[in-house]
């Protein structure tokens, strides 16, 4: 029986009269790369915020590997192995690329000791080197994060998330603002990462989604519209009407 990584039951969240997430039942089996798509305002990022503890649900529950994490603080959820990147990129602009990843890596290993030299943290340093190589960031390791291109900031965010050794990684529009070359490289990276880390991807670039995802969940107006393989989703008339668009010939 396939292990269930993430499960939500009746998850709901409203902002005033807006039902941003509406009674969502969701299951993520272990393995593969899962994507969530939907038009703007469909509730995708709010769903991520509820799962990661940035928002408290009005009703429903969230479980992670069978453990109820509903209402748990974000830092506690992260320590259980659930990490994410943000739609609006968030790094320490005044720190180097290396130091950004180092801080994240060491936060997972333990606390800093004021009298212990930084060079003695060999396990942390080793992890950082591996991640910089894996993400292709060695060439800008000493560059201030605030000076990076948008594409490199996105890669740095992924490196920071991976530094916490997640069992599940949530990526919120990781290729937004990237050049075609950066997008191709990042998609390949995400596909490689999905072989060792469970990943849920939110993305508006349909070419990216249909190339990378094994399973796609479609959200619309806060609810799950359907779920299936890329081939099944592409043929679903409900999805075409809600998000992908229907040709003029099909309307006649």
Protein backbone atom coordinates (compact mmCIF):
# COMPACT_ATOMS: atom_id res chain seq x y z
CA UNK A 1 0.00 0.00 0.00
CA UNK A 2 1.39 3.41 -1.02
CA UNK A 3 2.20 5.70 1.89
CA UNK A 4 0.17 8.93 2.06
CA UNK A 5 2.50 11.90 2.47
CA UNK A 6 -0.08 14.67 2.80
CA UNK A 7 -3.82 14.54 3.37
CA UNK A 8 -6.43 17.23 3.88
CA UNK A 9 -10.05 16.63 4.86
CA UNK A 10 -12.74 19.28 4.50
CA UNK A 11 -10.12 22.04 4.47
CA UNK A 12 -11.74 25.48 4.22
CA UNK A 13 -10.71 29.12 4.55
CA UNK A 14 -12.69 32.30 3.96
CA UNK A 15 -11.66 35.94 3.84
CA UNK A 16 -14.81 37.94 4.51
CA UNK A 17 -17.33 36.77 1.94
CA UNK A 18 -14.69 35.09 -0.23
CA UNK A 19 -14.39 31.31 0.11
CA UNK A 20 -10.70 30.97 -0.84
CA UNK A 21 -10.46 27.24 -0.09
CA UNK A 22 -13.73 25.34 -0.08
CA UNK A 23 -14.00 21.93 1.62
CA UNK A 24 -10.87 20.49 -0.03
CA UNK A 25 -10.15 16.77 0.31
CA UNK A 26 -6.67 16.06 -1.02
CA UNK A 27 -4.29 13.11 -0.87
CA UNK A 28 -0.67 12.93 -1.97
CA UNK A 29 0.77 9.41 -2.27
CA UNK A 30 4.53 9.05 -1.94
CA UNK A 31 6.57 9.28 -5.13
CA UNK A 32 6.25 11.27 -8.32
CA UNK A 33 5.78 14.95 -9.05
CA UNK A 34 2.34 16.44 -8.41
CA UNK A 35 1.16 19.77 -9.84
CA UNK A 36 -1.72 22.01 -8.80
CA UNK A 37 -3.07 24.35 -11.46
CA UNK A 38 -6.01 26.71 -11.77
CA UNK A 39 -6.87 30.28 -12.73
CA UNK A 40 -5.83 33.25 -10.59
CA UNK A 41 -7.82 33.25 -7.37
CA UNK A 42 -8.48 29.50 -7.52
CA UNK A 43 -7.08 29.03 -4.00
CA UNK A 44 -3.77 27.35 -4.81
CA UNK A 45 -1.44 29.51 -2.73
CA UNK A 46 -3.98 29.74 0.10
CA UNK A 47 -4.04 25.94 0.12
CA UNK A 48 -0.23 25.93 0.49
CA UNK A 49 -0.50 28.50 3.29
CA UNK A 50 -2.99 26.32 5.18
CA UNK A 51 -0.87 23.20 4.77
CA UNK A 52 2.31 24.92 5.98
CA UNK A 53 0.72 26.69 8.93
CA UNK A 54 0.97 30.26 7.63
CA UNK A 55 -2.82 30.38 7.85
CA UNK A 56 -5.18 28.61 10.24
CA UNK A 57 -8.14 26.88 8.56
CA UNK A 58 -11.71 27.78 9.41
CA UNK A 59 -12.52 24.07 9.33
CA UNK A 60 -11.01 20.76 8.29
CA UNK A 61 -7.71 19.08 9.09
CA UNK A 62 -4.26 18.51 7.64
CA UNK A 63 -2.15 15.41 8.24
CA UNK A 64 1.48 14.82 7.26
CA UNK A 65 2.58 11.18 7.12
CA UNK A 66 -0.43 10.38 9.30
CA UNK A 67 0.29 13.04 11.92
CA UNK A 68 -2.29 15.79 12.49
CA UNK A 69 -0.52 19.13 11.90
CA UNK A 70 -3.66 21.31 11.75
CA UNK A 71 -2.94 24.70 13.32
CA UNK A 72 0.69 23.82 14.07
CA UNK A 73 3.23 26.67 13.85
CA UNK A 74 5.17 26.90 10.56
CA UNK A 75 8.59 26.28 12.16
CA UNK A 76 7.32 23.08 13.79
CA UNK A 77 5.84 21.86 10.52
CA UNK A 78 9.14 22.60 8.79
CA UNK A 79 11.05 20.56 11.37
CA UNK A 80 8.75 17.61 10.61
CA UNK A 81 10.01 17.73 7.02
CA UNK A 82 7.65 20.00 5.08
CA UNK A 83 9.36 22.88 3.25
CA UNK A 84 8.21 25.38 0.64
CA UNK A 85 9.26 28.21 -1.60
CA UNK A 86 7.20 31.37 -1.91
CA UNK A 87 5.45 32.99 -4.85
CA UNK A 88 7.18 36.25 -3.83
CA UNK A 89 10.82 35.24 -3.50
CA UNK A 90 12.23 35.57 0.02
CA UNK A 91 15.97 35.36 0.76
CA UNK A 92 18.43 37.29 2.92
CA UNK A 93 19.53 39.96 0.40
CA UNK A 94 22.44 41.13 2.57
CA UNK A 95 23.98 37.66 2.89
CA UNK A 96 25.94 35.75 0.27
CA UNK A 97 24.45 32.79 -1.56
CA UNK A 98 26.64 30.48 0.53
CA UNK A 99 25.56 32.07 3.82
CA UNK A 100 21.87 31.92 2.91
CA UNK A 101 22.10 28.17 2.43
CA UNK A 102 24.42 27.75 5.44
CA UNK A 103 21.92 29.38 7.81
CA UNK A 104 19.12 27.12 6.57
CA UNK A 105 21.29 24.00 6.73
CA UNK A 106 22.51 24.68 10.24
CA UNK A 107 19.06 25.57 11.54
CA UNK A 108 18.14 21.96 10.85
CA UNK A 109 21.23 20.55 12.57
CA UNK A 110 21.21 22.52 15.77
CA UNK A 111 21.87 25.86 17.47
CA UNK A 112 24.84 28.15 16.98
CA UNK A 113 27.29 28.35 19.86
CA UNK A 114 28.74 31.86 20.37
CA UNK A 115 32.22 30.54 21.21
CA UNK A 116 32.49 27.93 18.47
CA UNK A 117 34.25 28.97 15.23
CA UNK A 118 32.15 28.80 12.10
CA UNK A 119 34.82 26.68 10.37
CA UNK A 120 34.21 23.90 12.89
CA UNK A 121 30.72 23.26 11.57
CA UNK A 122 31.95 20.74 9.03
CA UNK A 123 28.68 18.84 8.60
CA UNK A 124 26.88 22.06 7.72
CA UNK A 125 29.62 23.20 5.35
CA UNK A 126 29.61 19.84 3.59
CA UNK A 127 25.84 19.96 3.10
CA UNK A 128 26.04 23.50 1.68
CA UNK A 129 28.69 22.50 -0.85
CA UNK A 130 26.58 19.59 -2.05
CA UNK A 131 23.51 21.80 -2.47
CA UNK A 132 25.38 24.56 -4.30
CA UNK A 133 26.71 21.95 -6.74
CA UNK A 134 23.29 20.35 -7.15
CA UNK A 135 21.55 23.65 -7.87
CA UNK A 136 24.33 25.05 -10.08
CA UNK A 137 25.05 27.93 -7.71
CA UNK A 138 28.78 27.41 -7.10
CA UNK A 139 29.63 30.17 -9.57
CA UNK A 140 27.80 32.80 -7.50
CA UNK A 141 28.43 31.37 -4.01
CA UNK A 142 30.07 34.61 -2.75
CA UNK A 143 27.61 36.95 -4.46
CA UNK A 144 25.13 38.83 -2.29
CA UNK A 145 21.68 37.32 -2.73
CA UNK A 146 20.28 40.78 -3.40
CA UNK A 147 22.41 41.02 -6.55
CA UNK A 148 21.21 37.79 -8.15
CA UNK A 149 19.05 37.49 -11.24
CA UNK A 150 15.45 36.45 -10.64
CA UNK A 151 16.18 32.97 -11.91
CA UNK A 152 19.11 32.49 -9.54
CA UNK A 153 17.04 33.77 -6.60
CA UNK A 154 14.48 31.06 -7.39
CA UNK A 155 17.23 28.43 -7.40
CA UNK A 156 18.60 29.81 -4.13
CA UNK A 157 15.15 29.51 -2.56
CA UNK A 158 15.00 25.86 -3.60
CA UNK A 159 18.49 25.30 -2.16
CA UNK A 160 17.41 26.89 1.13
CA UNK A 161 14.33 24.67 1.27
CA UNK A 162 16.37 21.54 0.49
CA UNK A 163 18.87 22.47 3.21
CA UNK A 164 16.22 21.61 5.81
CA UNK A 165 16.10 18.03 4.44
CA UNK A 166 12.38 18.00 3.57
CA UNK A 167 10.27 14.93 3.01
CA UNK A 168 7.84 17.11 1.04
CA UNK A 169 8.74 20.21 -0.95
CA UNK A 170 6.07 22.70 -2.06
CA UNK A 171 7.13 24.90 -4.97
CA UNK A 172 5.02 27.99 -5.66
CA UNK A 173 5.61 29.18 -9.25
CA UNK A 174 9.36 28.37 -9.28
CA UNK A 175 9.94 29.38 -12.92
CA UNK A 176 7.97 32.65 -12.89
CA UNK A 177 10.05 35.42 -14.47
CA UNK A 178 12.72 33.06 -15.82
CA UNK A 179 14.15 33.10 -19.33
CA UNK A 180 13.37 30.11 -21.58
CA UNK A 181 16.83 28.64 -20.89
CA UNK A 182 16.49 29.12 -17.13
CA UNK A 183 13.03 27.56 -17.28
CA UNK A 184 14.25 24.46 -19.14
CA UNK A 185 17.12 23.99 -16.70
CA UNK A 186 14.91 24.47 -13.65
CA UNK A 187 12.25 22.07 -14.93
CA UNK A 188 14.93 19.43 -15.45
CA UNK A 189 16.23 20.09 -11.95
CA UNK A 190 12.76 19.76 -10.40
CA UNK A 191 12.17 16.50 -12.27
CA UNK A 192 15.47 15.15 -10.92
CA UNK A 193 14.65 16.29 -7.38
CA UNK A 194 11.28 14.53 -7.53
CA UNK A 195 13.11 11.19 -7.68
CA UNK A 196 14.28 11.67 -4.10
CA UNK A 197 11.85 14.23 -2.60
CA UNK A 198 8.05 14.36 -2.78
CA UNK A 199 7.11 17.56 -4.63
CA UNK A 200 3.92 19.54 -5.19
CA UNK A 201 4.27 22.27 -7.79
CA UNK A 202 2.04 25.28 -8.37
CA UNK A 203 2.69 26.73 -11.80
CA UNK A 204 0.90 28.86 -14.41
CA UNK A 205 3.18 27.82 -17.26
CA UNK A 206 1.21 24.95 -18.78
CA UNK A 207 4.14 23.76 -20.88
CA UNK A 208 6.12 23.30 -17.68
CA UNK A 209 3.27 21.53 -15.89
CA UNK A 210 2.48 19.08 -18.67
CA UNK A 211 6.18 18.34 -19.19
CA UNK A 212 7.09 17.80 -15.54
CA UNK A 213 4.07 16.50 -13.63
CA UNK A 214 3.03 12.90 -13.17
CA UNK A 215 -0.35 13.88 -11.69
CA UNK A 216 -2.23 17.18 -11.90
CA UNK A 217 -4.93 18.53 -9.59
CA UNK A 218 -7.05 21.37 -10.97
CA UNK A 219 -8.54 23.92 -8.58
CA UNK A 220 -11.27 26.43 -9.42
CA UNK A 221 -13.08 28.84 -7.11
CA UNK A 222 -11.45 27.32 -4.05
CA UNK A 223 -12.45 23.73 -4.77
CA UNK A 224 -10.88 20.76 -6.54
CA UNK A 225 -12.34 20.46 -10.01
CA UNK A 226 -10.58 17.25 -11.06
CA UNK A 227 -7.39 15.24 -10.84
CA UNK A 228 -5.56 13.02 -13.33
CA UNK A 229 -2.56 12.47 -15.56
CA UNK A 230 -1.49 15.30 -17.90
CA UNK A 231 -3.19 13.48 -20.81
CA UNK A 232 -6.45 13.14 -18.87
CA UNK A 233 -6.41 16.77 -17.74
CA UNK A 234 -5.70 18.09 -21.23
CA UNK A 235 -8.82 16.31 -22.54
CA UNK A 236 -11.14 17.24 -19.67
CA UNK A 237 -13.79 19.69 -20.92
CA UNK A 238 -14.29 21.14 -17.44
CA UNK A 239 -10.63 22.09 -17.32
CA UNK A 240 -10.72 23.54 -20.82
CA UNK A 241 -13.64 25.74 -19.87
CA UNK A 242 -12.27 26.80 -16.48
CA UNK A 243 -8.63 27.29 -17.27
CA UNK A 244 -7.05 26.03 -20.48
CA UNK A 245 -9.56 27.71 -22.78
CA UNK A 246 -11.89 26.31 -25.42
CA UNK A 247 -11.44 27.00 -29.13
CA UNK A 248 -14.03 29.02 -31.01
CA UNK A 249 -14.81 25.93 -33.13
CA UNK A 250 -15.61 23.94 -29.98
CA UNK A 251 -18.02 26.64 -28.82
CA UNK A 252 -20.04 26.57 -32.07
